């Protein structure tokens, strides 16, 4: 049976296939995951890591989406590929593994 889709994304992991249909991205991998966002980085798809991926929102800010579809409380100019460090014009931040808590590392004066 052929799979019908409007678009696809070439991604840097063999764990996920991303297909878009009617404005929604469908991520096939460890489990089916749907989102309106196209992710530019994916975390390991296992049951231990609660994070799904890093994406840019409508305001061009990076954020992390968790597998329960929740997000960090705010977006950043950049989030490192491991999801642990983030920065914006106000400073640098540490994001503990599998957490939505944001810890200020350095704040610009």
C-alpha atoms as a PDB file:
ATOM      1  CA  UNK A   1       0.000   0.000   0.000  1.00  0.00           C
ATOM      2  CA  UNK A   2       1.561   3.355  -0.994  1.00  0.00           C
ATOM      3  CA  UNK A   3       2.015   6.044   1.644  1.00  0.00           C
ATOM      4  CA  UNK A   4       0.427   9.396   0.713  1.00  0.00           C
ATOM      5  CA  UNK A   5       2.062  12.631   1.886  1.00  0.00           C
ATOM      6  CA  UNK A   6       2.529  16.251   0.752  1.00  0.00           C
ATOM      7  CA  UNK A   7       6.163  16.733   1.812  1.00  0.00           C
ATOM      8  CA  UNK A   8       9.020  14.969   3.579  1.00  0.00           C
ATOM      9  CA  UNK A   9      12.102  16.072   5.509  1.00  0.00           C
ATOM     10  CA  UNK A  10      15.624  14.760   5.111  1.00  0.00           C
ATOM     11  CA  UNK A  11      16.809  14.318   8.676  1.00  0.00           C
ATOM     12  CA  UNK A  12      20.105  13.392  10.319  1.00  0.00           C
ATOM     13  CA  UNK A  13      18.980  10.220  12.040  1.00  0.00           C
ATOM     14  CA  UNK A  14      18.017   6.752  10.901  1.00  0.00           C
ATOM     15  CA  UNK A  15      15.577   6.421  13.807  1.00  0.00           C
ATOM     16  CA  UNK A  16      12.863   8.697  12.386  1.00  0.00           C
ATOM     17  CA  UNK A  17      11.072   9.300   9.102  1.00  0.00           C
ATOM     18  CA  UNK A  18       9.271  12.676   8.817  1.00  0.00           C
ATOM     19  CA  UNK A  19       6.306  13.021   6.429  1.00  0.00           C
ATOM     20  CA  UNK A  20       3.955  15.994   6.155  1.00  0.00           C
ATOM     21  CA  UNK A  21       0.278  15.743   5.281  1.00  0.00           C
ATOM     22  CA  UNK A  22      -2.227  18.609   5.429  1.00  0.00           C
ATOM     23  CA  UNK A  23       0.056  20.869   7.516  1.00  0.00           C
ATOM     24  CA  UNK A  24       0.940  18.238  10.156  1.00  0.00           C
ATOM     25  CA  UNK A  25       4.315  16.504  10.414  1.00  0.00           C
ATOM     26  CA  UNK A  26       4.140  12.774  11.176  1.00  0.00           C
ATOM     27  CA  UNK A  27       7.289  11.348  12.710  1.00  0.00           C
ATOM     28  CA  UNK A  28       7.573   7.567  12.403  1.00  0.00           C
ATOM     29  CA  UNK A  29      10.133   5.919  14.635  1.00  0.00           C
ATOM     30  CA  UNK A  30      10.111   4.663  18.209  1.00  0.00           C
ATOM     31  CA  UNK A  31       6.450   5.686  18.274  1.00  0.00           C
ATOM     32  CA  UNK A  32       4.198   7.792  16.055  1.00  0.00           C
ATOM     33  CA  UNK A  33       4.556  11.474  16.914  1.00  0.00           C
ATOM     34  CA  UNK A  34       2.562  14.292  15.300  1.00  0.00           C
ATOM     35  CA  UNK A  35       3.353  18.007  15.378  1.00  0.00           C
ATOM     36  CA  UNK A  36       2.856  21.171  13.338  1.00  0.00           C
ATOM     37  CA  UNK A  37       6.589  21.872  13.826  1.00  0.00           C
ATOM     38  CA  UNK A  38       9.467  20.575  11.739  1.00  0.00           C
ATOM     39  CA  UNK A  39      12.292  19.580  14.088  1.00  0.00           C
ATOM     40  CA  UNK A  40      15.903  20.307  13.170  1.00  0.00           C
ATOM     41  CA  UNK A  41      17.363  18.015  15.835  1.00  0.00           C
ATOM     42  CA  UNK A  42      16.046  14.798  17.381  1.00  0.00           C
ATOM     43  CA  UNK A  43      16.983  13.173  20.652  1.00  0.00           C
ATOM     44  CA  UNK A  44      17.551   9.433  21.063  1.00  0.00           C
ATOM     45  CA  UNK A  45      14.218   7.732  20.596  1.00  0.00           C
ATOM     46  CA  UNK A  46      14.043   5.396  23.571  1.00  0.00           C
ATOM     47  CA  UNK A  47      11.850   5.183  26.651  1.00  0.00           C
ATOM     48  CA  UNK A  48      14.437   6.881  28.910  1.00  0.00           C
ATOM     49  CA  UNK A  49      14.799  10.250  27.131  1.00  0.00           C
ATOM     50  CA  UNK A  50      11.592  12.283  27.592  1.00  0.00           C
ATOM     51  CA  UNK A  51      12.614  14.839  24.946  1.00  0.00           C
ATOM     52  CA  UNK A  52      11.609  14.461  21.304  1.00  0.00           C
ATOM     53  CA  UNK A  53      13.386  17.237  19.443  1.00  0.00           C
ATOM     54  CA  UNK A  54      14.411  20.863  18.969  1.00  0.00           C
ATOM     55  CA  UNK A  55      12.423  23.119  16.642  1.00  0.00           C
ATOM     56  CA  UNK A  56      12.047  26.805  15.743  1.00  0.00           C
ATOM     57  CA  UNK A  57       8.698  28.414  16.553  1.00  0.00           C
ATOM     58  CA  UNK A  58       6.779  31.125  14.666  1.00  0.00           C
ATOM     59  CA  UNK A  59       8.920  33.813  16.352  1.00  0.00           C
ATOM     60  CA  UNK A  60      12.108  32.066  15.159  1.00  0.00           C
ATOM     61  CA  UNK A  61      12.989  30.955  18.711  1.00  0.00           C
ATOM     62  CA  UNK A  62      14.326  27.469  19.448  1.00  0.00           C
ATOM     63  CA  UNK A  63      12.467  25.273  21.897  1.00  0.00           C
ATOM     64  CA  UNK A  64      12.432  21.640  23.011  1.00  0.00           C
ATOM     65  CA  UNK A  65       9.304  19.553  22.600  1.00  0.00           C
ATOM     66  CA  UNK A  66       8.952  16.641  24.981  1.00  0.00           C
ATOM     67  CA  UNK A  67       7.277  13.354  24.067  1.00  0.00           C
ATOM     68  CA  UNK A  68       4.220  14.384  26.101  1.00  0.00           C
ATOM     69  CA  UNK A  69       3.948  17.413  23.704  1.00  0.00           C
ATOM     70  CA  UNK A  70       4.925  19.916  26.426  1.00  0.00           C
ATOM     71  CA  UNK A  71       7.566  22.595  25.813  1.00  0.00           C
ATOM     72  CA  UNK A  72      10.164  24.532  27.732  1.00  0.00           C
ATOM     73  CA  UNK A  73       8.564  27.586  29.370  1.00  0.00           C
ATOM     74  CA  UNK A  74      10.208  29.876  26.795  1.00  0.00           C
ATOM     75  CA  UNK A  75      12.187  29.868  23.570  1.00  0.00           C
ATOM     76  CA  UNK A  76      15.834  30.789  22.961  1.00  0.00           C
ATOM     77  CA  UNK A  77      17.965  32.109  20.110  1.00  0.00           C
ATOM     78  CA  UNK A  78      19.902  28.832  20.176  1.00  0.00           C
ATOM     79  CA  UNK A  79      19.793  25.489  21.970  1.00  0.00           C
ATOM     80  CA  UNK A  80      22.773  23.127  21.756  1.00  0.00           C
ATOM     81  CA  UNK A  81      22.265  19.805  19.968  1.00  0.00           C
ATOM     82  CA  UNK A  82      22.422  17.920  23.277  1.00  0.00           C
ATOM     83  CA  UNK A  83      19.653  20.172  24.657  1.00  0.00           C
ATOM     84  CA  UNK A  84      21.653  21.143  27.730  1.00  0.00           C
ATOM     85  CA  UNK A  85      22.793  24.717  26.911  1.00  0.00           C
ATOM     86  CA  UNK A  86      20.764  27.617  25.541  1.00  0.00           C
ATOM     87  CA  UNK A  87      21.352  31.292  24.925  1.00  0.00           C
ATOM     88  CA  UNK A  88      19.595  34.483  23.905  1.00  0.00           C
ATOM     89  CA  UNK A  89      20.322  38.206  24.089  1.00  0.00           C
ATOM     90  CA  UNK A  90      19.810  38.124  27.868  1.00  0.00           C
ATOM     91  CA  UNK A  91      22.371  35.425  28.661  1.00  0.00           C
ATOM     92  CA  UNK A  92      23.270  31.734  28.787  1.00  0.00           C
ATOM     93  CA  UNK A  93      21.228  28.982  30.421  1.00  0.00           C
ATOM     94  CA  UNK A  94      21.585  25.383  31.560  1.00  0.00           C
ATOM     95  CA  UNK A  95      18.693  22.989  30.924  1.00  0.00           C
ATOM     96  CA  UNK A  96      19.054  19.847  33.088  1.00  0.00           C
ATOM     97  CA  UNK A  97      18.533  16.532  31.258  1.00  0.00           C
ATOM     98  CA  UNK A  98      14.838  15.568  30.889  1.00  0.00           C
ATOM     99  CA  UNK A  99      13.767  18.719  32.703  1.00  0.00           C
ATOM    100  CA  UNK A 100      11.792  21.827  31.844  1.00  0.00           C
ATOM    101  CA  UNK A 101      13.638  23.830  34.492  1.00  0.00           C
ATOM    102  CA  UNK A 102      15.901  26.563  33.193  1.00  0.00           C
ATOM    103  CA  UNK A 103      18.924  27.546  35.281  1.00  0.00           C
ATOM    104  CA  UNK A 104      20.660  30.876  34.620  1.00  0.00           C
ATOM    105  CA  UNK A 105      24.336  30.249  33.853  1.00  0.00           C
ATOM    106  CA  UNK A 106      25.321  33.793  32.912  1.00  0.00           C
ATOM    107  CA  UNK A 107      23.195  36.899  32.535  1.00  0.00           C
ATOM    108  CA  UNK A 108      24.248  39.874  30.418  1.00  0.00           C
ATOM    109  CA  UNK A 109      24.453  43.154  32.285  1.00  0.00           C
END
